[in-house]
Amino acid sequence: MRLRSELGVEDLYYLDGCGFSPTLPTGYTWARTGTRVVVKREDTKNRRGNVRGALNDTGPEPELLWTAVEHTIDAARVLDFVCTHIARLPGGAERLAQPPPGWKRPRPCTLALDNASIHHGRLFEGRREGLGAVGVRLFYLPPRSPELNRIERIWRSVKYPDMRVRAFTTTAELHTAVDRALARRAAAITRPRAASP
């Protein structure tokens, strides 16, 4: 799959979701000797932000796609994200059963998924043929192997070094910070690569 993506024959996307809390984990901090460090903490009840994203970091057109939401991510929302952002199907998941005549994604695509229950649900699995018909093939990574899902590196970078502020008083501030951090990551991914000599 990866070789076919690098050759530009098909796209390879890694799909996953990530949750962000108003108080992000603080692994360590610095302070002057003798100074007590105070780490701000916000109430997290019903204030999480969730992001679903897809990473294509190989091939001729690398990209990072994401959508930030305040509600939980379920199978229907994941399917709509795949149809709208990855398959680029006009009308999204609602049109999957009857796509425009002859419509297909410009380049075939393989979608690497972890084994989360929403990726194996009846709604998602039942659309496998429809996704294949518009040019999106599903590939499930082995269980308990997050290191194989390349978008996990993006989530880690965004949660730790990219977001220097560790506590947010409003959900809007949290979403803005997450969007900015992801936009910086996306810009780094899509930046033209230097030609090798």
N, C-alpha and C. Protein backbone atom coordinates (compact mmCIF):
# COMPACT_ATOMS: atom_id res chain seq x y z
N MET A 1 0.82 -1.20 0.00
CA MET A 1 0.00 0.00 0.00
C MET A 1 0.86 1.26 0.00
N ARG A 2 1.84 1.28 0.91
CA ARG A 2 2.66 2.48 1.04
C ARG A 2 3.44 2.74 -0.24
N LEU A 3 3.98 1.69 -0.86
CA LEU A 3 4.73 1.86 -2.10
C LEU A 3 3.83 2.40 -3.20
N ARG A 4 2.61 1.87 -3.29
CA ARG A 4 1.67 2.37 -4.31
C ARG A 4 1.35 3.84 -4.07
N SER A 5 1.30 4.24 -2.80
CA SER A 5 1.05 5.64 -2.48
C SER A 5 2.24 6.51 -2.87
N GLU A 6 3.45 6.03 -2.54
CA GLU A 6 4.65 6.79 -2.89
C GLU A 6 4.80 6.95 -4.40
N LEU A 7 4.36 5.96 -5.17
CA LEU A 7 4.43 6.04 -6.62
C LEU A 7 3.31 6.87 -7.23
N GLY A 8 2.34 7.27 -6.41
CA GLY A 8 1.24 8.09 -6.90
C GLY A 8 0.13 7.30 -7.56
N VAL A 9 0.13 5.97 -7.39
CA VAL A 9 -0.91 5.12 -7.98
C VAL A 9 -2.21 5.24 -7.20
N GLU A 10 -2.09 5.32 -5.88
CA GLU A 10 -3.26 5.50 -5.02
C GLU A 10 -2.86 6.30 -3.80
N ASP A 11 -3.85 6.82 -3.08
CA ASP A 11 -3.59 7.57 -1.85
C ASP A 11 -3.74 6.62 -0.67
N LEU A 12 -2.97 6.88 0.38
CA LEU A 12 -3.04 6.11 1.61
C LEU A 12 -3.28 7.08 2.76
N TYR A 13 -4.44 6.97 3.38
CA TYR A 13 -4.80 7.83 4.51
C TYR A 13 -4.85 7.01 5.79
N TYR A 14 -4.38 7.58 6.87
CA TYR A 14 -4.49 7.00 8.20
C TYR A 14 -5.56 7.79 8.93
N LEU A 15 -6.60 7.12 9.40
CA LEU A 15 -7.76 7.77 10.02
C LEU A 15 -7.76 7.51 11.52
N ASP A 16 -8.09 8.53 12.30
CA ASP A 16 -8.21 8.35 13.75
C ASP A 16 -8.89 9.57 14.35
N GLY A 17 -9.32 9.43 15.57
CA GLY A 17 -9.90 10.54 16.32
C GLY A 17 -9.07 10.80 17.56
N CYS A 18 -9.20 12.00 18.10
CA CYS A 18 -8.44 12.37 19.29
C CYS A 18 -9.28 13.34 20.12
N GLY A 19 -9.23 13.18 21.42
CA GLY A 19 -9.94 14.07 22.33
C GLY A 19 -9.00 15.07 22.97
N PHE A 20 -9.50 16.29 23.17
CA PHE A 20 -8.71 17.34 23.81
C PHE A 20 -9.50 17.88 25.00
N SER A 21 -8.84 17.95 26.13
CA SER A 21 -9.47 18.43 27.36
C SER A 21 -9.08 19.89 27.59
N PRO A 22 -9.91 20.66 28.30
CA PRO A 22 -9.54 22.06 28.59
C PRO A 22 -8.23 22.18 29.38
N THR A 23 -7.88 21.14 30.13
CA THR A 23 -6.58 21.09 30.79
C THR A 23 -5.81 19.95 30.16
N LEU A 24 -4.78 20.28 29.41
CA LEU A 24 -3.97 19.28 28.73
C LEU A 24 -2.91 18.73 29.68
N PRO A 25 -2.46 17.50 29.45
CA PRO A 25 -1.45 16.92 30.36
C PRO A 25 -0.17 17.76 30.39
N THR A 26 0.38 17.91 31.58
CA THR A 26 1.65 18.62 31.73
C THR A 26 2.69 17.59 32.15
N GLY A 27 3.57 17.24 31.24
CA GLY A 27 4.59 16.23 31.54
C GLY A 27 5.66 16.77 32.47
N TYR A 28 6.10 18.01 32.23
CA TYR A 28 7.10 18.64 33.08
C TYR A 28 7.03 20.14 32.86
N THR A 29 7.69 20.89 33.74
CA THR A 29 7.74 22.34 33.58
C THR A 29 9.04 22.85 34.18
N TRP A 30 9.37 24.09 33.91
CA TRP A 30 10.59 24.71 34.41
C TRP A 30 10.22 25.86 35.34
N ALA A 31 11.07 26.09 36.33
CA ALA A 31 10.88 27.23 37.22
C ALA A 31 12.23 27.58 37.85
N ARG A 32 12.33 28.80 38.36
CA ARG A 32 13.55 29.21 39.07
C ARG A 32 13.67 28.41 40.37
N THR A 33 14.87 28.19 40.79
CA THR A 33 15.12 27.48 42.03
C THR A 33 14.41 28.20 43.17
N GLY A 34 13.69 27.45 43.98
CA GLY A 34 12.99 28.01 45.12
C GLY A 34 11.61 28.56 44.80
N THR A 35 11.23 28.52 43.52
CA THR A 35 9.91 29.01 43.12
C THR A 35 8.95 27.83 42.97
N ARG A 36 7.80 27.96 43.56
CA ARG A 36 6.80 26.90 43.44
C ARG A 36 6.04 27.07 42.13
N VAL A 37 5.91 25.99 41.39
CA VAL A 37 5.22 26.02 40.11
C VAL A 37 3.73 25.77 40.32
N VAL A 38 2.91 26.62 39.74
CA VAL A 38 1.46 26.43 39.81
C VAL A 38 0.98 26.15 38.39
N VAL A 39 0.39 24.98 38.20
CA VAL A 39 -0.14 24.61 36.90
C VAL A 39 -1.64 24.83 36.92
N LYS A 40 -2.11 25.69 36.03
CA LYS A 40 -3.54 26.02 35.99
C LYS A 40 -4.34 24.79 35.56
N ARG A 41 -5.51 24.62 36.18
CA ARG A 41 -6.36 23.49 35.86
C ARG A 41 -7.79 23.98 35.67
N GLU A 42 -8.42 23.53 34.60
CA GLU A 42 -9.80 23.90 34.30
C GLU A 42 -10.72 22.71 34.51
N ASP A 43 -11.97 22.99 34.81
CA ASP A 43 -12.97 21.94 34.93
C ASP A 43 -13.18 21.30 33.57
N THR A 44 -13.14 19.98 33.51
CA THR A 44 -13.25 19.29 32.23
C THR A 44 -14.64 18.74 31.94
N LYS A 45 -15.56 18.87 32.88
CA LYS A 45 -16.89 18.27 32.70
C LYS A 45 -17.62 18.86 31.49
N ASN A 46 -17.96 17.99 30.54
CA ASN A 46 -18.70 18.36 29.33
C ASN A 46 -18.02 19.47 28.52
N ARG A 47 -16.71 19.56 28.59
CA ARG A 47 -16.01 20.62 27.88
C ARG A 47 -14.90 20.08 26.99
N ARG A 48 -14.93 18.83 26.69
CA ARG A 48 -13.90 18.27 25.81
C ARG A 48 -14.16 18.65 24.36
N GLY A 49 -13.10 18.68 23.59
CA GLY A 49 -13.22 18.86 22.16
C GLY A 49 -12.71 17.60 21.49
N ASN A 50 -13.39 17.14 20.48
CA ASN A 50 -12.95 15.95 19.75
C ASN A 50 -12.58 16.33 18.33
N VAL A 51 -11.57 15.67 17.82
CA VAL A 51 -11.12 15.91 16.46
C VAL A 51 -11.05 14.57 15.75
N ARG A 52 -11.59 14.53 14.54
CA ARG A 52 -11.37 13.36 13.71
C ARG A 52 -10.49 13.84 12.57
N GLY A 53 -9.54 13.01 12.21
CA GLY A 53 -8.60 13.44 11.19
C GLY A 53 -8.11 12.30 10.34
N ALA A 54 -7.49 12.68 9.24
CA ALA A 54 -6.89 11.72 8.31
C ALA A 54 -5.58 12.30 7.81
N LEU A 55 -4.57 11.45 7.74
CA LEU A 55 -3.24 11.86 7.31
C LEU A 55 -2.82 11.06 6.09
N ASN A 56 -2.44 11.78 5.05
CA ASN A 56 -1.82 11.17 3.87
C ASN A 56 -0.45 11.84 3.76
N ASP A 57 0.59 11.18 4.24
CA ASP A 57 1.91 11.81 4.26
C ASP A 57 2.87 11.23 3.23
N THR A 58 2.34 10.51 2.26
CA THR A 58 3.17 9.97 1.18
C THR A 58 2.55 10.37 -0.14
N GLY A 59 3.25 10.10 -1.19
CA GLY A 59 2.69 10.36 -2.51
C GLY A 59 2.85 11.79 -2.96
N PRO A 60 2.30 12.10 -4.12
CA PRO A 60 2.50 13.42 -4.72
C PRO A 60 1.75 14.56 -4.03
N GLU A 61 0.68 14.27 -3.32
CA GLU A 61 -0.13 15.32 -2.69
C GLU A 61 -0.39 15.01 -1.22
N PRO A 62 0.63 15.14 -0.34
CA PRO A 62 0.40 14.86 1.08
C PRO A 62 -0.55 15.89 1.69
N GLU A 63 -1.36 15.43 2.64
CA GLU A 63 -2.29 16.36 3.30
C GLU A 63 -2.74 15.83 4.65
N LEU A 64 -3.14 16.76 5.49
CA LEU A 64 -3.73 16.46 6.79
C LEU A 64 -5.12 17.08 6.78
N LEU A 65 -6.13 16.25 7.01
CA LEU A 65 -7.52 16.71 7.04
C LEU A 65 -8.05 16.52 8.46
N TRP A 66 -8.87 17.44 8.93
CA TRP A 66 -9.46 17.28 10.26
C TRP A 66 -10.74 18.09 10.38
N THR A 67 -11.54 17.68 11.36
CA THR A 67 -12.75 18.41 11.73
C THR A 67 -12.83 18.36 13.25
N ALA A 68 -12.95 19.52 13.87
CA ALA A 68 -13.10 19.61 15.33
C ALA A 68 -14.58 19.71 15.66
N VAL A 69 -15.01 18.94 16.65
CA VAL A 69 -16.41 18.91 17.06
C VAL A 69 -16.51 18.91 18.58
N GLU A 70 -17.66 19.34 19.10
CA GLU A 70 -17.87 19.33 20.54
C GLU A 70 -18.56 18.05 21.01
N HIS A 71 -19.22 17.35 20.10
CA HIS A 71 -19.94 16.14 20.48
C HIS A 71 -19.02 14.92 20.34
N THR A 72 -19.52 13.79 20.79
CA THR A 72 -18.74 12.56 20.65
C THR A 72 -18.70 12.14 19.18
N ILE A 73 -17.69 11.38 18.85
CA ILE A 73 -17.53 10.91 17.48
C ILE A 73 -18.11 9.50 17.40
N ASP A 74 -19.12 9.33 16.56
CA ASP A 74 -19.74 8.02 16.38
C ASP A 74 -19.53 7.55 14.94
N ALA A 75 -20.01 6.34 14.62
CA ALA A 75 -19.80 5.74 13.30
C ALA A 75 -20.39 6.60 12.18
N ALA A 76 -21.56 7.19 12.41
CA ALA A 76 -22.20 8.00 11.37
C ALA A 76 -21.35 9.23 11.04
N ARG A 77 -20.77 9.85 12.06
CA ARG A 77 -19.94 11.04 11.83
C ARG A 77 -18.62 10.66 11.16
N VAL A 78 -18.06 9.51 11.52
CA VAL A 78 -16.83 9.07 10.88
C VAL A 78 -17.10 8.77 9.40
N LEU A 79 -18.20 8.08 9.13
CA LEU A 79 -18.56 7.77 7.75
C LEU A 79 -18.76 9.05 6.94
N ASP A 80 -19.41 10.04 7.52
CA ASP A 80 -19.62 11.29 6.80
C ASP A 80 -18.29 12.01 6.56
N PHE A 81 -17.38 11.97 7.53
CA PHE A 81 -16.06 12.56 7.36
C PHE A 81 -15.32 11.88 6.20
N VAL A 82 -15.37 10.56 6.16
CA VAL A 82 -14.71 9.81 5.09
C VAL A 82 -15.31 10.17 3.73
N CYS A 83 -16.63 10.20 3.65
CA CYS A 83 -17.30 10.50 2.37
C CYS A 83 -17.05 11.94 1.92
N THR A 84 -17.11 12.88 2.85
CA THR A 84 -16.98 14.29 2.52
C THR A 84 -15.53 14.70 2.25
N HIS A 85 -14.62 14.33 3.17
CA HIS A 85 -13.25 14.84 3.10
C HIS A 85 -12.27 13.94 2.36
N ILE A 86 -12.45 12.64 2.43
CA ILE A 86 -11.49 11.74 1.79
C ILE A 86 -11.99 11.30 0.42
N ALA A 87 -13.22 10.78 0.36
CA ALA A 87 -13.78 10.39 -0.94
C ALA A 87 -14.16 11.62 -1.77
N ARG A 88 -14.44 12.72 -1.05
CA ARG A 88 -14.89 13.98 -1.70
C ARG A 88 -16.16 13.76 -2.53
N LEU A 89 -17.01 12.93 -1.99
CA LEU A 89 -18.28 12.59 -2.63
C LEU A 89 -19.25 13.76 -2.48
N PRO A 90 -19.74 14.32 -3.59
CA PRO A 90 -20.72 15.41 -3.48
C PRO A 90 -21.94 14.95 -2.70
N GLY A 91 -22.28 15.67 -1.62
CA GLY A 91 -23.42 15.30 -0.80
C GLY A 91 -23.05 14.44 0.39
N GLY A 92 -21.78 14.02 0.51
CA GLY A 92 -21.32 13.24 1.66
C GLY A 92 -21.93 11.86 1.77
N ALA A 93 -22.07 11.37 3.00
CA ALA A 93 -22.53 10.01 3.26
C ALA A 93 -23.96 9.78 2.76
N GLU A 94 -24.77 10.83 2.70
CA GLU A 94 -26.15 10.67 2.22
C GLU A 94 -26.20 10.19 0.77
N ARG A 95 -25.17 10.50 -0.01
CA ARG A 95 -25.15 10.12 -1.42
C ARG A 95 -24.40 8.82 -1.68
N LEU A 96 -23.90 8.17 -0.62
CA LEU A 96 -23.09 6.97 -0.81
C LEU A 96 -23.89 5.84 -1.45
N ALA A 97 -25.14 5.70 -1.07
CA ALA A 97 -25.97 4.63 -1.65
C ALA A 97 -26.24 4.87 -3.14
N GLN A 98 -26.36 6.14 -3.53
CA GLN A 98 -26.60 6.47 -4.93
C GLN A 98 -25.71 7.66 -5.34
N PRO A 99 -24.42 7.38 -5.59
CA PRO A 99 -23.54 8.47 -6.01
C PRO A 99 -23.92 8.95 -7.41
N PRO A 100 -23.47 10.15 -7.80
CA PRO A 100 -23.75 10.61 -9.16
C PRO A 100 -23.28 9.57 -10.17
N PRO A 101 -24.00 9.36 -11.26
CA PRO A 101 -23.63 8.32 -12.23
C PRO A 101 -22.19 8.47 -12.72
N GLY A 102 -21.45 7.36 -12.62
CA GLY A 102 -20.07 7.33 -13.09
C GLY A 102 -19.07 8.05 -12.20
N TRP A 103 -19.52 8.55 -11.03
CA TRP A 103 -18.63 9.33 -10.18
C TRP A 103 -17.69 8.40 -9.42
N LYS A 104 -16.40 8.75 -9.40
CA LYS A 104 -15.38 8.05 -8.62
C LYS A 104 -14.36 9.05 -8.14
N ARG A 105 -13.72 8.74 -7.06
CA ARG A 105 -12.62 9.58 -6.56
C ARG A 105 -11.54 9.63 -7.64
N PRO A 106 -10.91 10.81 -7.86
CA PRO A 106 -9.92 10.92 -8.94
C PRO A 106 -8.81 9.87 -8.88
N ARG A 107 -8.32 9.56 -7.67
CA ARG A 107 -7.30 8.54 -7.51
C ARG A 107 -7.79 7.56 -6.44
N PRO A 108 -7.67 6.25 -6.66
CA PRO A 108 -8.12 5.30 -5.64
C PRO A 108 -7.43 5.58 -4.30
N CYS A 109 -8.07 5.13 -3.24
CA CYS A 109 -7.57 5.45 -1.90
C CYS A 109 -7.74 4.24 -0.98
N THR A 110 -6.73 4.00 -0.15
CA THR A 110 -6.84 3.01 0.92
C THR A 110 -6.88 3.77 2.23
N LEU A 111 -7.80 3.41 3.08
CA LEU A 111 -8.00 4.06 4.36
C LEU A 111 -7.59 3.09 5.47
N ALA A 112 -6.50 3.39 6.18
CA ALA A 112 -6.01 2.55 7.28
C ALA A 112 -6.71 2.97 8.57
N LEU A 113 -7.37 2.02 9.21
CA LEU A 113 -8.16 2.27 10.42
C LEU A 113 -7.66 1.41 11.57
N ASP A 114 -7.82 1.91 12.79
CA ASP A 114 -7.56 1.06 13.93
C ASP A 114 -8.81 0.22 14.19
N ASN A 115 -8.81 -0.52 15.26
CA ASN A 115 -9.92 -1.43 15.53
C ASN A 115 -10.93 -0.89 16.52
N ALA A 116 -11.12 0.41 16.54
CA ALA A 116 -12.13 1.02 17.41
C ALA A 116 -13.51 0.48 17.03
N SER A 117 -14.38 0.37 18.00
CA SER A 117 -15.70 -0.21 17.74
C SER A 117 -16.48 0.57 16.70
N ILE A 118 -16.30 1.89 16.62
CA ILE A 118 -17.05 2.66 15.62
C ILE A 118 -16.60 2.34 14.20
N HIS A 119 -15.38 1.83 14.04
CA HIS A 119 -14.90 1.45 12.70
C HIS A 119 -15.39 0.07 12.29
N HIS A 120 -15.89 -0.69 13.25
CA HIS A 120 -16.40 -2.03 12.96
C HIS A 120 -17.92 -2.12 13.10
N GLY A 121 -18.54 -1.00 13.40
CA GLY A 121 -19.99 -1.00 13.59
C GLY A 121 -20.75 -1.36 12.33
N ARG A 122 -21.99 -1.75 12.51
CA ARG A 122 -22.85 -2.15 11.39
C ARG A 122 -22.96 -1.05 10.34
N LEU A 123 -23.12 0.18 10.79
CA LEU A 123 -23.27 1.29 9.87
C LEU A 123 -22.03 1.45 8.99
N PHE A 124 -20.86 1.40 9.62
CA PHE A 124 -19.62 1.61 8.88
C PHE A 124 -19.29 0.42 7.99
N GLU A 125 -19.33 -0.78 8.56
CA GLU A 125 -19.04 -2.00 7.79
C GLU A 125 -20.03 -2.20 6.65
N GLY A 126 -21.28 -1.83 6.87
CA GLY A 126 -22.31 -2.02 5.85
C GLY A 126 -22.11 -1.14 4.63
N ARG A 127 -21.24 -0.15 4.73
CA ARG A 127 -20.99 0.76 3.60
C ARG A 127 -19.70 0.43 2.87
N ARG A 128 -19.10 -0.69 3.18
CA ARG A 128 -17.81 -1.06 2.58
C ARG A 128 -17.89 -1.13 1.06
N GLU A 129 -18.93 -1.77 0.54
CA GLU A 129 -19.09 -1.88 -0.91
C GLU A 129 -19.31 -0.51 -1.55
N GLY A 130 -20.13 0.31 -0.91
CA GLY A 130 -20.39 1.65 -1.44
C GLY A 130 -19.13 2.50 -1.48
N LEU A 131 -18.32 2.39 -0.42
CA LEU A 131 -17.06 3.13 -0.40
C LEU A 131 -16.13 2.63 -1.50
N GLY A 132 -16.08 1.31 -1.69
CA GLY A 132 -15.25 0.73 -2.75
C GLY A 132 -15.68 1.20 -4.12
N ALA A 133 -16.98 1.37 -4.31
CA ALA A 133 -17.50 1.80 -5.61
C ALA A 133 -17.09 3.24 -5.94
N VAL A 134 -16.86 4.07 -4.91
CA VAL A 134 -16.44 5.45 -5.18
C VAL A 134 -14.93 5.62 -5.05
N GLY A 135 -14.21 4.51 -4.82
CA GLY A 135 -12.74 4.56 -4.84
C GLY A 135 -12.05 4.56 -3.50
N VAL A 136 -12.75 4.15 -2.42
CA VAL A 136 -12.14 4.11 -1.09
C VAL A 136 -12.19 2.69 -0.56
N ARG A 137 -11.02 2.12 -0.27
CA ARG A 137 -10.92 0.76 0.26
C ARG A 137 -10.52 0.84 1.73
N LEU A 138 -11.12 0.02 2.58
CA LEU A 138 -10.82 0.00 4.02
C LEU A 138 -9.76 -1.05 4.32
N PHE A 139 -8.81 -0.69 5.18
CA PHE A 139 -7.77 -1.63 5.62
C PHE A 139 -7.64 -1.47 7.13
N TYR A 140 -7.83 -2.57 7.87
CA TYR A 140 -7.76 -2.52 9.33
C TYR A 140 -6.37 -2.90 9.81
N LEU A 141 -5.78 -2.04 10.63
CA LEU A 141 -4.47 -2.30 11.20
C LEU A 141 -4.60 -3.41 12.25
N PRO A 142 -3.50 -4.10 12.57
CA PRO A 142 -3.57 -5.15 13.60
C PRO A 142 -4.01 -4.57 14.95
N PRO A 143 -4.68 -5.38 15.77
CA PRO A 143 -5.11 -4.90 17.09
C PRO A 143 -3.93 -4.47 17.95
N ARG A 144 -4.18 -3.49 18.83
CA ARG A 144 -3.19 -3.00 19.79
C ARG A 144 -1.86 -2.62 19.12
N SER A 145 -1.94 -1.86 18.04
CA SER A 145 -0.71 -1.42 17.36
C SER A 145 -0.83 0.05 16.94
N PRO A 146 -1.00 0.96 17.90
CA PRO A 146 -1.15 2.38 17.54
C PRO A 146 0.08 2.94 16.83
N GLU A 147 1.24 2.31 17.02
CA GLU A 147 2.45 2.80 16.37
C GLU A 147 2.39 2.68 14.85
N LEU A 148 1.47 1.86 14.34
CA LEU A 148 1.33 1.71 12.89
C LEU A 148 0.43 2.77 12.28
N ASN A 149 -0.33 3.45 13.11
CA ASN A 149 -1.22 4.50 12.61
C ASN A 149 -0.46 5.82 12.66
N ARG A 150 -0.01 6.29 11.51
CA ARG A 150 0.90 7.44 11.44
C ARG A 150 0.29 8.74 11.94
N ILE A 151 -1.04 8.85 11.99
CA ILE A 151 -1.64 10.08 12.49
C ILE A 151 -1.48 10.22 14.01
N GLU A 152 -1.17 9.12 14.69
CA GLU A 152 -0.93 9.18 16.14
C GLU A 152 0.22 10.13 16.47
N ARG A 153 1.22 10.21 15.59
CA ARG A 153 2.35 11.12 15.80
C ARG A 153 1.88 12.58 15.75
N ILE A 154 0.92 12.84 14.87
CA ILE A 154 0.37 14.20 14.77
C ILE A 154 -0.34 14.55 16.07
N TRP A 155 -1.19 13.65 16.56
CA TRP A 155 -1.92 13.92 17.81
C TRP A 155 -0.94 14.20 18.95
N ARG A 156 0.10 13.39 19.04
CA ARG A 156 1.07 13.57 20.13
C ARG A 156 1.76 14.93 20.02
N SER A 157 2.17 15.30 18.82
CA SER A 157 2.84 16.59 18.62
C SER A 157 1.92 17.75 18.96
N VAL A 158 0.66 17.65 18.54
CA VAL A 158 -0.29 18.73 18.79
C VAL A 158 -0.56 18.86 20.29
N LYS A 159 -0.73 17.74 20.98
CA LYS A 159 -1.05 17.78 22.41
C LYS A 159 0.10 18.25 23.28
N TYR A 160 1.33 17.98 22.87
CA TYR A 160 2.45 18.32 23.74
C TYR A 160 3.24 19.53 23.24
N PRO A 161 4.18 19.40 22.31
CA PRO A 161 5.00 20.59 22.00
C PRO A 161 4.27 21.71 21.26
N ASP A 162 3.24 21.39 20.48
CA ASP A 162 2.60 22.42 19.66
C ASP A 162 1.67 23.36 20.43
N MET A 163 1.12 22.90 21.52
CA MET A 163 0.19 23.72 22.29
C MET A 163 0.85 24.10 23.62
N ARG A 164 1.48 25.26 23.61
CA ARG A 164 2.23 25.70 24.80
C ARG A 164 1.31 26.07 25.96
N VAL A 165 0.14 26.62 25.65
CA VAL A 165 -0.84 26.91 26.70
C VAL A 165 -1.47 25.57 27.08
N ARG A 166 -1.54 25.28 28.37
CA ARG A 166 -1.99 23.96 28.82
C ARG A 166 -3.40 23.98 29.41
N ALA A 167 -4.01 25.15 29.60
CA ALA A 167 -5.37 25.21 30.16
C ALA A 167 -6.16 26.29 29.42
N PHE A 168 -7.43 25.98 29.13
CA PHE A 168 -8.29 26.88 28.36
C PHE A 168 -9.58 27.10 29.13
N THR A 169 -9.97 28.37 29.27
CA THR A 169 -11.16 28.68 30.06
C THR A 169 -12.44 28.44 29.28
N THR A 170 -12.40 28.49 27.95
CA THR A 170 -13.61 28.24 27.16
C THR A 170 -13.33 27.17 26.11
N THR A 171 -14.39 26.52 25.68
CA THR A 171 -14.28 25.51 24.64
C THR A 171 -13.84 26.16 23.33
N ALA A 172 -14.30 27.38 23.07
CA ALA A 172 -13.91 28.09 21.83
C ALA A 172 -12.40 28.31 21.80
N GLU A 173 -11.81 28.70 22.92
CA GLU A 173 -10.35 28.88 22.99
C GLU A 173 -9.62 27.58 22.71
N LEU A 174 -10.13 26.50 23.28
CA LEU A 174 -9.53 25.17 23.05
C LEU A 174 -9.58 24.81 21.58
N HIS A 175 -10.75 24.97 20.95
CA HIS A 175 -10.89 24.63 19.53
C HIS A 175 -9.98 25.48 18.65
N THR A 176 -9.87 26.76 18.98
CA THR A 176 -9.00 27.65 18.20
C THR A 176 -7.54 27.20 18.31
N ALA A 177 -7.11 26.86 19.52
CA ALA A 177 -5.72 26.42 19.72
C ALA A 177 -5.45 25.11 18.99
N VAL A 178 -6.39 24.17 19.03
CA VAL A 178 -6.23 22.90 18.33
C VAL A 178 -6.18 23.14 16.82
N ASP A 179 -7.08 23.95 16.30
CA ASP A 179 -7.09 24.25 14.85
C ASP A 179 -5.78 24.89 14.41
N ARG A 180 -5.27 25.82 15.20
CA ARG A 180 -4.00 26.49 14.83
C ARG A 180 -2.85 25.50 14.82
N ALA A 181 -2.79 24.64 15.84
CA ALA A 181 -1.71 23.66 15.91
C ALA A 181 -1.79 22.67 14.74
N LEU A 182 -3.00 22.23 14.41
CA LEU A 182 -3.17 21.32 13.29
C LEU A 182 -2.85 22.01 11.96
N ALA A 183 -3.21 23.28 11.84
CA ALA A 183 -2.91 24.03 10.61
C ALA A 183 -1.40 24.14 10.41
N ARG A 184 -0.65 24.35 11.51
CA ARG A 184 0.81 24.40 11.39
C ARG A 184 1.36 23.05 10.96
N ARG A 185 0.82 21.98 11.52
CA ARG A 185 1.26 20.62 11.12
C ARG A 185 0.93 20.37 9.65
N ALA A 186 -0.27 20.77 9.23
CA ALA A 186 -0.69 20.57 7.83
C ALA A 186 0.22 21.33 6.88
N ALA A 187 0.59 22.56 7.26
CA ALA A 187 1.48 23.36 6.41
C ALA A 187 2.85 22.69 6.29
N ALA A 188 3.33 22.10 7.37
CA ALA A 188 4.63 21.42 7.33
C ALA A 188 4.57 20.17 6.45
N ILE A 189 3.43 19.48 6.46
CA ILE A 189 3.28 18.26 5.66
C ILE A 189 3.19 18.58 4.18
N THR A 190 2.47 19.66 3.85
CA THR A 190 2.24 19.97 2.44
C THR A 190 3.33 20.85 1.84
N ARG A 191 4.28 21.32 2.65
CA ARG A 191 5.38 22.13 2.13
C ARG A 191 6.15 21.34 1.07
N PRO A 192 6.47 21.96 -0.06
CA PRO A 192 7.21 21.25 -1.11
C PRO A 192 8.52 20.69 -0.56
N ARG A 193 8.77 19.43 -0.88
CA ARG A 193 9.99 18.78 -0.41
C ARG A 193 11.15 19.13 -1.32
N ALA A 194 12.32 19.28 -0.73
CA ALA A 194 13.51 19.59 -1.52
C ALA A 194 13.86 18.39 -2.39
N ALA A 195 14.21 18.67 -3.63
CA ALA A 195 14.58 17.58 -4.54
C ALA A 195 15.93 17.02 -4.13
N SER A 196 16.04 15.71 -4.13
CA SER A 196 17.31 15.09 -3.76
C SER A 196 18.28 15.16 -4.94
N PRO A 197 19.57 15.36 -4.65
CA PRO A 197 20.55 15.50 -5.73
C PRO A 197 20.74 14.24 -6.53
